[in-house]
PDB file of all heavy atoms in Angstrom:
ATOM      1  N   TYR A   1      -8.454  -4.772  13.060  1.00  0.00           N
ATOM      2  CA  TYR A   1      -7.074  -4.321  13.203  1.00  0.00           C
ATOM      3  C   TYR A   1      -6.989  -2.854  13.628  1.00  0.00           C
ATOM      4  O   TYR A   1      -6.507  -1.989  12.883  1.00  0.00           O
ATOM      5  CB  TYR A   1      -6.302  -4.510  11.888  1.00  0.00           C
ATOM      6  CG  TYR A   1      -6.272  -5.936  11.401  1.00  0.00           C
ATOM      7  CD1 TYR A   1      -7.065  -6.350  10.328  1.00  0.00           C
ATOM      8  CD2 TYR A   1      -5.457  -6.882  12.023  1.00  0.00           C
ATOM      9  CE1 TYR A   1      -7.051  -7.668   9.901  1.00  0.00           C
ATOM     10  CE2 TYR A   1      -5.425  -8.199  11.589  1.00  0.00           C
ATOM     11  CZ  TYR A   1      -6.235  -8.582  10.524  1.00  0.00           C
ATOM     12  OH  TYR A   1      -6.213  -9.889  10.096  1.00  0.00           O
ATOM     13  N   PRO A   2      -7.450  -2.515  14.806  1.00  0.00           N
ATOM     14  CA  PRO A   2      -7.497  -1.107  15.227  1.00  0.00           C
ATOM     15  C   PRO A   2      -6.136  -0.421  15.285  1.00  0.00           C
ATOM     16  O   PRO A   2      -6.017   0.759  14.951  1.00  0.00           O
ATOM     17  CB  PRO A   2      -8.143  -1.174  16.617  1.00  0.00           C
ATOM     18  CG  PRO A   2      -7.912  -2.579  17.085  1.00  0.00           C
ATOM     19  CD  PRO A   2      -7.964  -3.422  15.858  1.00  0.00           C
ATOM     20  N   ILE A   3      -5.088  -1.157  15.703  1.00  0.00           N
ATOM     21  CA  ILE A   3      -3.762  -0.535  15.793  1.00  0.00           C
ATOM     22  C   ILE A   3      -3.276  -0.127  14.411  1.00  0.00           C
ATOM     23  O   ILE A   3      -2.744   0.976  14.209  1.00  0.00           O
ATOM     24  CB  ILE A   3      -2.748  -1.490  16.448  1.00  0.00           C
ATOM     25  CG1 ILE A   3      -3.205  -1.876  17.860  1.00  0.00           C
ATOM     26  CG2 ILE A   3      -1.374  -0.835  16.490  1.00  0.00           C
ATOM     27  CD1 ILE A   3      -3.401  -0.702  18.786  1.00  0.00           C
ATOM     28  N   GLN A   4      -3.497  -0.997  13.430  1.00  0.00           N
ATOM     29  CA  GLN A   4      -3.096  -0.676  12.064  1.00  0.00           C
ATOM     30  C   GLN A   4      -3.892   0.512  11.518  1.00  0.00           C
ATOM     31  O   GLN A   4      -3.357   1.342  10.775  1.00  0.00           O
ATOM     32  CB  GLN A   4      -3.283  -1.893  11.146  1.00  0.00           C
ATOM     33  CG  GLN A   4      -2.260  -2.996  11.364  1.00  0.00           C
ATOM     34  CD  GLN A   4      -2.652  -3.938  12.489  1.00  0.00           C
ATOM     35  OE1 GLN A   4      -3.443  -3.581  13.352  1.00  0.00           O
ATOM     36  NE2 GLN A   4      -2.112  -5.153  12.485  1.00  0.00           N
ATOM     37  N   GLN A   5      -5.166   0.613  11.900  1.00  0.00           N
ATOM     38  CA  GLN A   5      -5.978   1.748  11.467  1.00  0.00           C
ATOM     39  C   GLN A   5      -5.405   3.048  11.993  1.00  0.00           C
ATOM     40  O   GLN A   5      -5.340   4.054  11.273  1.00  0.00           O
ATOM     41  CB  GLN A   5      -7.415   1.566  11.953  1.00  0.00           C
ATOM     42  CG  GLN A   5      -8.166   0.427  11.285  1.00  0.00           C
ATOM     43  CD  GLN A   5      -9.565   0.263  11.858  1.00  0.00           C
ATOM     44  OE1 GLN A   5     -10.158   1.212  12.346  1.00  0.00           O
ATOM     45  NE2 GLN A   5     -10.093  -0.939  11.787  1.00  0.00           N
ATOM     46  N   ILE A   6      -5.016   3.036  13.258  1.00  0.00           N
ATOM     47  CA  ILE A   6      -4.442   4.239  13.861  1.00  0.00           C
ATOM     48  C   ILE A   6      -3.145   4.618  13.156  1.00  0.00           C
ATOM     49  O   ILE A   6      -2.895   5.794  12.855  1.00  0.00           O
ATOM     50  CB  ILE A   6      -4.174   4.005  15.359  1.00  0.00           C
ATOM     51  CG1 ILE A   6      -5.489   3.732  16.092  1.00  0.00           C
ATOM     52  CG2 ILE A   6      -3.469   5.217  15.972  1.00  0.00           C
ATOM     53  CD1 ILE A   6      -5.302   3.283  17.523  1.00  0.00           C
ATOM     54  N   MET A   7      -2.310   3.611  12.858  1.00  0.00           N
ATOM     55  CA  MET A   7      -1.031   3.879  12.204  1.00  0.00           C
ATOM     56  C   MET A   7      -1.235   4.466  10.813  1.00  0.00           C
ATOM     57  O   MET A   7      -0.566   5.435  10.433  1.00  0.00           O
ATOM     58  CB  MET A   7      -0.209   2.587  12.127  1.00  0.00           C
ATOM     59  CG  MET A   7       0.268   2.079  13.480  1.00  0.00           C
ATOM     60  SD  MET A   7       1.073   0.461  13.372  1.00  0.00           S
ATOM     61  CE  MET A   7       2.490   0.870  12.366  1.00  0.00           C
ATOM     62  N   VAL A   8      -2.171   3.905  10.048  1.00  0.00           N
ATOM     63  CA  VAL A   8      -2.444   4.414   8.705  1.00  0.00           C
ATOM     64  C   VAL A   8      -2.993   5.836   8.791  1.00  0.00           C
ATOM     65  O   VAL A   8      -2.619   6.722   8.010  1.00  0.00           O
ATOM     66  CB  VAL A   8      -3.434   3.491   7.964  1.00  0.00           C
ATOM     67  CG1 VAL A   8      -3.892   4.145   6.665  1.00  0.00           C
ATOM     68  CG2 VAL A   8      -2.786   2.148   7.674  1.00  0.00           C
ATOM     69  N   HIS A   9      -3.884   6.055   9.736  1.00  0.00           N
ATOM     70  CA  HIS A   9      -4.482   7.379   9.926  1.00  0.00           C
ATOM     71  C   HIS A   9      -3.397   8.416  10.203  1.00  0.00           C
ATOM     72  O   HIS A   9      -3.350   9.493   9.577  1.00  0.00           O
ATOM     73  CB  HIS A   9      -5.468   7.311  11.098  1.00  0.00           C
ATOM     74  CG  HIS A   9      -6.294   8.549  11.259  1.00  0.00           C
ATOM     75  ND1 HIS A   9      -5.843   9.640  11.968  1.00  0.00           N
ATOM     76  CD2 HIS A   9      -7.538   8.867  10.824  1.00  0.00           C
ATOM     77  CE1 HIS A   9      -6.777  10.591  11.958  1.00  0.00           C
ATOM     78  NE2 HIS A   9      -7.806  10.145  11.280  1.00  0.00           N
ATOM     79  N   ASP A  10      -2.496   8.114  11.126  1.00  0.00           N
ATOM     80  CA  ASP A  10      -1.438   9.057  11.497  1.00  0.00           C
ATOM     81  C   ASP A  10      -0.420   9.238  10.383  1.00  0.00           C
ATOM     82  O   ASP A  10       0.040  10.357  10.119  1.00  0.00           O
ATOM     83  CB  ASP A  10      -0.741   8.585  12.780  1.00  0.00           C
ATOM     84  CG  ASP A  10      -1.652   8.665  13.998  1.00  0.00           C
ATOM     85  OD1 ASP A  10      -2.689   9.347  13.909  1.00  0.00           O
ATOM     86  OD2 ASP A  10      -1.331   8.043  15.025  1.00  0.00           O
ATOM     87  N   LEU A  11      -0.047   8.129   9.729  1.00  0.00           N
ATOM     88  CA  LEU A  11       0.925   8.230   8.643  1.00  0.00           C
ATOM     89  C   LEU A  11       0.372   9.058   7.487  1.00  0.00           C
ATOM     90  O   LEU A  11       1.111   9.819   6.845  1.00  0.00           O
ATOM     91  CB  LEU A  11       1.306   6.828   8.140  1.00  0.00           C
ATOM     92  CG  LEU A  11       2.285   6.032   9.016  1.00  0.00           C
ATOM     93  CD1 LEU A  11       2.443   4.622   8.475  1.00  0.00           C
ATOM     94  CD2 LEU A  11       3.632   6.736   9.083  1.00  0.00           C
ATOM     95  N   THR A  12      -0.910   8.919   7.216  1.00  0.00           N
ATOM     96  CA  THR A  12      -1.527   9.703   6.154  1.00  0.00           C
ATOM     97  C   THR A  12      -1.520  11.180   6.510  1.00  0.00           C
ATOM     98  O   THR A  12      -1.235  12.039   5.667  1.00  0.00           O
ATOM     99  CB  THR A  12      -2.970   9.235   5.907  1.00  0.00           C
ATOM    100  OG1 THR A  12      -2.970   7.830   5.624  1.00  0.00           O
ATOM    101  CG2 THR A  12      -3.583   9.966   4.722  1.00  0.00           C
ATOM    102  N   ALA A  13      -1.827  11.498   7.777  1.00  0.00           N
ATOM    103  CA  ALA A  13      -1.819  12.887   8.223  1.00  0.00           C
ATOM    104  C   ALA A  13      -0.426  13.497   8.090  1.00  0.00           C
ATOM    105  O   ALA A  13      -0.261  14.620   7.598  1.00  0.00           O
ATOM    106  CB  ALA A  13      -2.291  12.968   9.673  1.00  0.00           C
ATOM    107  N   ILE A  14       0.591  12.735   8.511  1.00  0.00           N
ATOM    108  CA  ILE A  14       1.973  13.231   8.428  1.00  0.00           C
ATOM    109  C   ILE A  14       2.386  13.413   6.966  1.00  0.00           C
ATOM    110  O   ILE A  14       3.033  14.395   6.595  1.00  0.00           O
ATOM    111  CB  ILE A  14       2.930  12.261   9.140  1.00  0.00           C
ATOM    112  CG1 ILE A  14       2.614  12.218  10.637  1.00  0.00           C
ATOM    113  CG2 ILE A  14       4.389  12.669   8.918  1.00  0.00           C
ATOM    114  CD1 ILE A  14       3.341  11.118  11.393  1.00  0.00           C
ATOM    115  N   THR A  15       1.979  12.463   6.120  1.00  0.00           N
ATOM    116  CA  THR A  15       2.306  12.524   4.699  1.00  0.00           C
ATOM    117  C   THR A  15       1.739  13.779   4.050  1.00  0.00           C
ATOM    118  O   THR A  15       2.429  14.506   3.333  1.00  0.00           O
ATOM    119  CB  THR A  15       1.764  11.278   3.977  1.00  0.00           C
ATOM    120  OG1 THR A  15       2.470  10.129   4.439  1.00  0.00           O
ATOM    121  CG2 THR A  15       1.929  11.400   2.469  1.00  0.00           C
ATOM    122  N   LEU A  16       0.469  14.046   4.330  1.00  0.00           N
ATOM    123  CA  LEU A  16      -0.184  15.193   3.700  1.00  0.00           C
ATOM    124  C   LEU A  16       0.306  16.508   4.288  1.00  0.00           C
ATOM    125  O   LEU A  16       0.390  17.517   3.577  1.00  0.00           O
ATOM    126  CB  LEU A  16      -1.699  15.077   3.865  1.00  0.00           C
ATOM    127  CG  LEU A  16      -2.350  13.858   3.186  1.00  0.00           C
ATOM    128  CD1 LEU A  16      -3.849  13.847   3.417  1.00  0.00           C
ATOM    129  CD2 LEU A  16      -2.045  13.846   1.696  1.00  0.00           C
ATOM    130  N   ARG A  17       0.628  16.518   5.562  1.00  0.00           N
ATOM    131  CA  ARG A  17       1.088  17.750   6.197  1.00  0.00           C
ATOM    132  C   ARG A  17       2.499  18.128   5.739  1.00  0.00           C
ATOM    133  O   ARG A  17       2.788  19.293   5.448  1.00  0.00           O
ATOM    134  CB  ARG A  17       1.050  17.600   7.720  1.00  0.00           C
ATOM    135  CG  ARG A  17       1.569  18.799   8.477  1.00  0.00           C
ATOM    136  CD  ARG A  17       0.708  20.027   8.253  1.00  0.00           C
ATOM    137  NE  ARG A  17      -0.596  19.893   8.880  1.00  0.00           N
ATOM    138  CZ  ARG A  17      -1.558  20.801   8.808  1.00  0.00           C
ATOM    139  NH1 ARG A  17      -1.351  21.904   8.115  1.00  0.00           N
ATOM    140  NH2 ARG A  17      -2.723  20.611   9.394  1.00  0.00           N
ATOM    141  N   LEU A  18       3.389  17.134   5.673  1.00  0.00           N
ATOM    142  CA  LEU A  18       4.786  17.397   5.320  1.00  0.00           C
ATOM    143  C   LEU A  18       5.057  17.258   3.832  1.00  0.00           C
ATOM    144  O   LEU A  18       6.178  17.501   3.380  1.00  0.00           O
ATOM    145  CB  LEU A  18       5.707  16.446   6.104  1.00  0.00           C
ATOM    146  CG  LEU A  18       5.636  16.551   7.629  1.00  0.00           C
ATOM    147  CD1 LEU A  18       6.612  15.569   8.271  1.00  0.00           C
ATOM    148  CD2 LEU A  18       5.939  17.972   8.094  1.00  0.00           C
ATOM    149  N   LYS A  19       4.011  16.801   3.085  1.00  0.00           N
ATOM    150  CA  LYS A  19       4.163  16.596   1.642  1.00  0.00           C
ATOM    151  C   LYS A  19       5.314  15.628   1.336  1.00  0.00           C
ATOM    152  O   LYS A  19       6.061  15.786   0.370  1.00  0.00           O
ATOM    153  CB  LYS A  19       4.383  17.925   0.908  1.00  0.00           C
ATOM    154  CG  LYS A  19       3.206  18.881   0.988  1.00  0.00           C
ATOM    155  CD  LYS A  19       3.483  20.139   0.207  1.00  0.00           C
ATOM    156  CE  LYS A  19       2.261  21.015   0.038  1.00  0.00           C
ATOM    157  NZ  LYS A  19       1.537  21.372   1.192  1.00  0.00           N
ATOM    158  N   THR A  20       5.465  14.652   2.197  1.00  0.00           N
ATOM    159  CA  THR A  20       6.471  13.600   2.025  1.00  0.00           C
ATOM    160  C   THR A  20       5.785  12.257   2.219  1.00  0.00           C
ATOM    161  O   THR A  20       5.047  12.076   3.193  1.00  0.00           O
ATOM    162  CB  THR A  20       7.603  13.743   3.063  1.00  0.00           C
ATOM    163  OG1 THR A  20       8.185  15.043   2.934  1.00  0.00           O
ATOM    164  CG2 THR A  20       8.671  12.688   2.841  1.00  0.00           C
ATOM    165  N   ASP A  21       6.012  11.336   1.305  1.00  0.00           N
ATOM    166  CA  ASP A  21       5.306  10.053   1.331  1.00  0.00           C
ATOM    167  C   ASP A  21       5.888   9.132   2.398  1.00  0.00           C
ATOM    168  O   ASP A  21       7.004   8.634   2.274  1.00  0.00           O
ATOM    169  CB  ASP A  21       5.395   9.388  -0.040  1.00  0.00           C
ATOM    170  CG  ASP A  21       4.462   8.185  -0.137  1.00  0.00           C
ATOM    171  OD1 ASP A  21       3.814   7.852   0.872  1.00  0.00           O
ATOM    172  OD2 ASP A  21       4.387   7.579  -1.224  1.00  0.00           O
ATOM    173  N   PHE A  22       5.093   8.928   3.463  1.00  0.00           N
ATOM    174  CA  PHE A  22       5.489   7.997   4.522  1.00  0.00           C
ATOM    175  C   PHE A  22       4.655   6.723   4.505  1.00  0.00           C
ATOM    176  O   PHE A  22       4.835   5.862   5.363  1.00  0.00           O
ATOM    177  CB  PHE A  22       5.345   8.669   5.894  1.00  0.00           C
ATOM    178  CG  PHE A  22       6.346   9.757   6.145  1.00  0.00           C
ATOM    179  CD1 PHE A  22       5.973  11.081   6.021  1.00  0.00           C
ATOM    180  CD2 PHE A  22       7.656   9.456   6.475  1.00  0.00           C
ATOM    181  CE1 PHE A  22       6.877  12.098   6.253  1.00  0.00           C
ATOM    182  CE2 PHE A  22       8.575  10.466   6.702  1.00  0.00           C
ATOM    183  CZ  PHE A  22       8.188  11.798   6.583  1.00  0.00           C
ATOM    184  N   ILE A  23       3.739   6.612   3.541  1.00  0.00           N
ATOM    185  CA  ILE A  23       2.899   5.421   3.446  1.00  0.00           C
ATOM    186  C   ILE A  23       3.734   4.254   2.937  1.00  0.00           C
ATOM    187  O   ILE A  23       4.452   4.379   1.940  1.00  0.00           O
ATOM    188  CB  ILE A  23       1.711   5.658   2.496  1.00  0.00           C
ATOM    189  CG1 ILE A  23       0.883   6.841   2.978  1.00  0.00           C
ATOM    190  CG2 ILE A  23       0.851   4.415   2.390  1.00  0.00           C
ATOM    191  CD1 ILE A  23       0.208   6.629   4.310  1.00  0.00           C
ATOM    192  N   PRO A  24       3.697   3.091   3.603  1.00  0.00           N
ATOM    193  CA  PRO A  24       4.469   1.930   3.137  1.00  0.00           C
ATOM    194  C   PRO A  24       4.123   1.572   1.690  1.00  0.00           C
ATOM    195  O   PRO A  24       2.974   1.714   1.260  1.00  0.00           O
ATOM    196  CB  PRO A  24       4.033   0.815   4.106  1.00  0.00           C
ATOM    197  CG  PRO A  24       3.563   1.532   5.323  1.00  0.00           C
ATOM    198  CD  PRO A  24       2.935   2.806   4.839  1.00  0.00           C
ATOM    199  N   ASP A  25       5.106   1.104   0.956  1.00  0.00           N
ATOM    200  CA  ASP A  25       4.913   0.794  -0.458  1.00  0.00           C
ATOM    201  C   ASP A  25       3.810  -0.239  -0.669  1.00  0.00           C
ATOM    202  O   ASP A  25       3.006  -0.122  -1.598  1.00  0.00           O
ATOM    203  CB  ASP A  25       6.223   0.276  -1.070  1.00  0.00           C
ATOM    204  CG  ASP A  25       7.277   1.369  -1.153  1.00  0.00           C
ATOM    205  OD1 ASP A  25       6.892   2.553  -1.156  1.00  0.00           O
ATOM    206  OD2 ASP A  25       8.476   1.032  -1.217  1.00  0.00           O
ATOM    207  N   TYR A  26       3.759  -1.256   0.192  1.00  0.00           N
ATOM    208  CA  TYR A  26       2.774  -2.309  -0.008  1.00  0.00           C
ATOM    209  C   TYR A  26       1.354  -1.773   0.151  1.00  0.00           C
ATOM    210  O   TYR A  26       0.412  -2.275  -0.463  1.00  0.00           O
ATOM    211  CB  TYR A  26       3.008  -3.461   0.968  1.00  0.00           C
ATOM    212  CG  TYR A  26       2.597  -3.174   2.394  1.00  0.00           C
ATOM    213  CD1 TYR A  26       1.299  -3.429   2.825  1.00  0.00           C
ATOM    214  CD2 TYR A  26       3.501  -2.636   3.298  1.00  0.00           C
ATOM    215  CE1 TYR A  26       0.920  -3.151   4.136  1.00  0.00           C
ATOM    216  CE2 TYR A  26       3.135  -2.361   4.591  1.00  0.00           C
ATOM    217  CZ  TYR A  26       1.832  -2.620   5.014  1.00  0.00           C
ATOM    218  OH  TYR A  26       1.462  -2.345   6.294  1.00  0.00           O
ATOM    219  N   LEU A  27       1.196  -0.721   0.953  1.00  0.00           N
ATOM    220  CA  LEU A  27      -0.135  -0.147   1.148  1.00  0.00           C
ATOM    221  C   LEU A  27      -0.460   0.867   0.072  1.00  0.00           C
ATOM    222  O   LEU A  27      -1.556   0.888  -0.483  1.00  0.00           O
ATOM    223  CB  LEU A  27      -0.223   0.519   2.526  1.00  0.00           C
ATOM    224  CG  LEU A  27      -1.564   1.161   2.878  1.00  0.00           C
ATOM    225  CD1 LEU A  27      -2.691   0.127   2.816  1.00  0.00           C
ATOM    226  CD2 LEU A  27      -1.496   1.777   4.273  1.00  0.00           C
ATOM    227  N   ALA A  28       0.514   1.707  -0.263  1.00  0.00           N
ATOM    228  CA  ALA A  28       0.286   2.735  -1.279  1.00  0.00           C
ATOM    229  C   ALA A  28       0.020   2.128  -2.644  1.00  0.00           C
ATOM    230  O   ALA A  28      -0.698   2.703  -3.463  1.00  0.00           O
ATOM    231  CB  ALA A  28       1.497   3.663  -1.354  1.00  0.00           C
ATOM    232  N   ALA A  29       0.584   0.941  -2.900  1.00  0.00           N
ATOM    233  CA  ALA A  29       0.419   0.323  -4.212  1.00  0.00           C
ATOM    234  C   ALA A  29      -0.788  -0.588  -4.286  1.00  0.00           C
ATOM    235  O   ALA A  29      -1.116  -1.106  -5.343  1.00  0.00           O
ATOM    236  CB  ALA A  29       1.680  -0.472  -4.555  1.00  0.00           C
ATOM    237  N   SER A  30      -1.449  -0.808  -3.169  1.00  0.00           N
ATOM    238  CA  SER A  30      -2.570  -1.745  -3.169  1.00  0.00           C
ATOM    239  C   SER A  30      -3.840  -1.087  -3.693  1.00  0.00           C
ATOM    240  O   SER A  30      -3.935   0.130  -3.812  1.00  0.00           O
ATOM    241  CB  SER A  30      -2.826  -2.276  -1.748  1.00  0.00           C
ATOM    242  OG  SER A  30      -3.285  -1.227  -0.917  1.00  0.00           O
ATOM    243  N   GLU A  31      -4.815  -1.903  -3.981  1.00  0.00           N
ATOM    244  CA  GLU A  31      -6.077  -1.393  -4.502  1.00  0.00           C
ATOM    245  C   GLU A  31      -7.019  -0.961  -3.390  1.00  0.00           C
ATOM    246  O   GLU A  31      -7.947  -0.211  -3.604  1.00  0.00           O
ATOM    247  CB  GLU A  31      -6.755  -2.479  -5.362  1.00  0.00           C
ATOM    248  CG  GLU A  31      -6.009  -2.822  -6.638  1.00  0.00           C
ATOM    249  CD  GLU A  31      -6.050  -1.676  -7.640  1.00  0.00           C
ATOM    250  OE1 GLU A  31      -7.027  -0.900  -7.611  1.00  0.00           O
ATOM    251  OE2 GLU A  31      -5.098  -1.557  -8.422  1.00  0.00           O
ATOM    252  N   GLN A  32      -6.777  -1.445  -2.180  1.00  0.00           N
ATOM    253  CA  GLN A  32      -7.753  -1.225  -1.116  1.00  0.00           C
ATOM    254  C   GLN A  32      -7.091  -0.925   0.226  1.00  0.00           C
ATOM    255  O   GLN A  32      -6.742  -1.828   0.968  1.00  0.00           O
ATOM    256  CB  GLN A  32      -8.640  -2.467  -0.963  1.00  0.00           C
ATOM    257  CG  GLN A  32      -9.841  -2.236  -0.088  1.00  0.00           C
ATOM    258  CD  GLN A  32     -10.671  -3.487   0.012  1.00  0.00           C
ATOM    259  OE1 GLN A  32     -10.327  -4.527  -0.535  1.00  0.00           O
ATOM    260  NE2 GLN A  32     -11.773  -3.398   0.706  1.00  0.00           N
ATOM    261  N   PRO A  33      -6.908   0.356   0.598  1.00  0.00           N
ATOM    262  CA  PRO A  33      -7.122   1.533  -0.254  1.00  0.00           C
ATOM    263  C   PRO A  33      -5.824   1.951  -0.919  1.00  0.00           C
ATOM    264  O   PRO A  33      -4.744   1.600  -0.444  1.00  0.00           O
ATOM    265  CB  PRO A  33      -7.572   2.590   0.772  1.00  0.00           C
ATOM    266  CG  PRO A  33      -6.765   2.236   1.982  1.00  0.00           C
ATOM    267  CD  PRO A  33      -6.634   0.723   1.987  1.00  0.00           C
ATOM    268  N   SER A  34      -5.908   2.710  -1.971  1.00  0.00           N
ATOM    269  CA  SER A  34      -4.713   3.213  -2.635  1.00  0.00           C
ATOM    270  C   SER A  34      -4.306   4.533  -1.986  1.00  0.00           C
ATOM    271  O   SER A  34      -5.047   5.106  -1.193  1.00  0.00           O
ATOM    272  CB  SER A  34      -4.996   3.443  -4.119  1.00  0.00           C
ATOM    273  OG  SER A  34      -5.934   4.504  -4.265  1.00  0.00           O
ATOM    274  N   MET A  35      -3.150   5.013  -2.349  1.00  0.00           N
ATOM    275  CA  MET A  35      -2.690   6.284  -1.810  1.00  0.00           C
ATOM    276  C   MET A  35      -3.642   7.402  -2.223  1.00  0.00           C
ATOM    277  O   MET A  35      -3.936   8.313  -1.452  1.00  0.00           O
ATOM    278  CB  MET A  35      -1.271   6.569  -2.320  1.00  0.00           C
ATOM    279  CG  MET A  35      -0.651   7.828  -1.765  1.00  0.00           C
ATOM    280  SD  MET A  35      -0.476   7.735   0.022  1.00  0.00           S
ATOM    281  CE  MET A  35       0.227   9.351   0.344  1.00  0.00           C
ATOM    282  N   GLY A  36      -4.137   7.308  -3.434  1.00  0.00           N
ATOM    283  CA  GLY A  36      -5.096   8.312  -3.904  1.00  0.00           C
ATOM    284  C   GLY A  36      -6.372   8.307  -3.075  1.00  0.00           C
ATOM    285  O   GLY A  36      -6.927   9.364  -2.776  1.00  0.00           O
ATOM    286  N   ASP A  37      -6.813   7.113  -2.700  1.00  0.00           N
ATOM    287  CA  ASP A  37      -8.009   7.013  -1.862  1.00  0.00           C
ATOM    288  C   ASP A  37      -7.781   7.697  -0.519  1.00  0.00           C
ATOM    289  O   ASP A  37      -8.637   8.421  -0.013  1.00  0.00           O
ATOM    290  CB  ASP A  37      -8.373   5.542  -1.622  1.00  0.00           C
ATOM    291  CG  ASP A  37      -8.831   4.852  -2.898  1.00  0.00           C
ATOM    292  OD1 ASP A  37      -9.386   5.545  -3.770  1.00  0.00           O
ATOM    293  OD2 ASP A  37      -8.621   3.635  -3.005  1.00  0.00           O
ATOM    294  N   LEU A  38      -6.617   7.446   0.068  1.00  0.00           N
ATOM    295  CA  LEU A  38      -6.307   8.045   1.363  1.00  0.00           C
ATOM    296  C   LEU A  38      -6.267   9.559   1.268  1.00  0.00           C
ATOM    297  O   LEU A  38      -6.734  10.267   2.163  1.00  0.00           O
ATOM    298  CB  LEU A  38      -4.976   7.510   1.887  1.00  0.00           C
ATOM    299  CG  LEU A  38      -4.953   6.020   2.261  1.00  0.00           C
ATOM    300  CD1 LEU A  38      -3.532   5.584   2.592  1.00  0.00           C
ATOM    301  CD2 LEU A  38      -5.869   5.751   3.442  1.00  0.00           C
ATOM    302  N   ARG A  39      -5.705  10.074   0.182  1.00  0.00           N
ATOM    303  CA  ARG A  39      -5.634  11.516   0.021  1.00  0.00           C
ATOM    304  C   ARG A  39      -7.036  12.131  -0.119  1.00  0.00           C
ATOM    305  O   ARG A  39      -7.296  13.223   0.376  1.00  0.00           O
ATOM    306  CB  ARG A  39      -4.799  11.880  -1.203  1.00  0.00           C
ATOM    307  CG  ARG A  39      -3.303  11.612  -1.049  1.00  0.00           C
ATOM    308  CD  ARG A  39      -2.542  12.135  -2.260  1.00  0.00           C
ATOM    309  NE  ARG A  39      -1.129  11.869  -2.145  1.00  0.00           N
ATOM    310  CZ  ARG A  39      -0.270  12.586  -1.432  1.00  0.00           C
ATOM    311  NH1 ARG A  39      -0.711  13.627  -0.743  1.00  0.00           N
ATOM    312  NH2 ARG A  39       0.998  12.274  -1.390  1.00  0.00           N
ATOM    313  N   ARG A  40      -7.931  11.417  -0.784  1.00  0.00           N
ATOM    314  CA  ARG A  40      -9.268  11.969  -1.017  1.00  0.00           C
ATOM    315  C   ARG A  40     -10.115  11.943   0.258  1.00  0.00           C
ATOM    316  O   ARG A  40     -10.917  12.853   0.495  1.00  0.00           O
ATOM    317  CB  ARG A  40      -9.974  11.175  -2.120  1.00  0.00           C
ATOM    318  CG  ARG A  40      -9.498  11.521  -3.525  1.00  0.00           C
ATOM    319  CD  ARG A  40     -10.438  10.930  -4.576  1.00  0.00           C
ATOM    320  NE  ARG A  40     -10.402   9.480  -4.562  1.00  0.00           N
ATOM    321  CZ  ARG A  40      -9.535   8.749  -5.267  1.00  0.00           C
ATOM    322  NH1 ARG A  40      -8.627   9.356  -6.014  1.00  0.00           N
ATOM    323  NH2 ARG A  40      -9.552   7.444  -5.215  1.00  0.00           N
TER     324      ARG A  40
END
């Protein structure tokens, strides 16, 4: 799923840069990966 990888990559960058959560709820709440994992 390369397109989804790119979207997650960009959304994570925007989230961390603007300090505003743009990660979809279904992804941020999942175990693989969690929002904490993405931040690390």
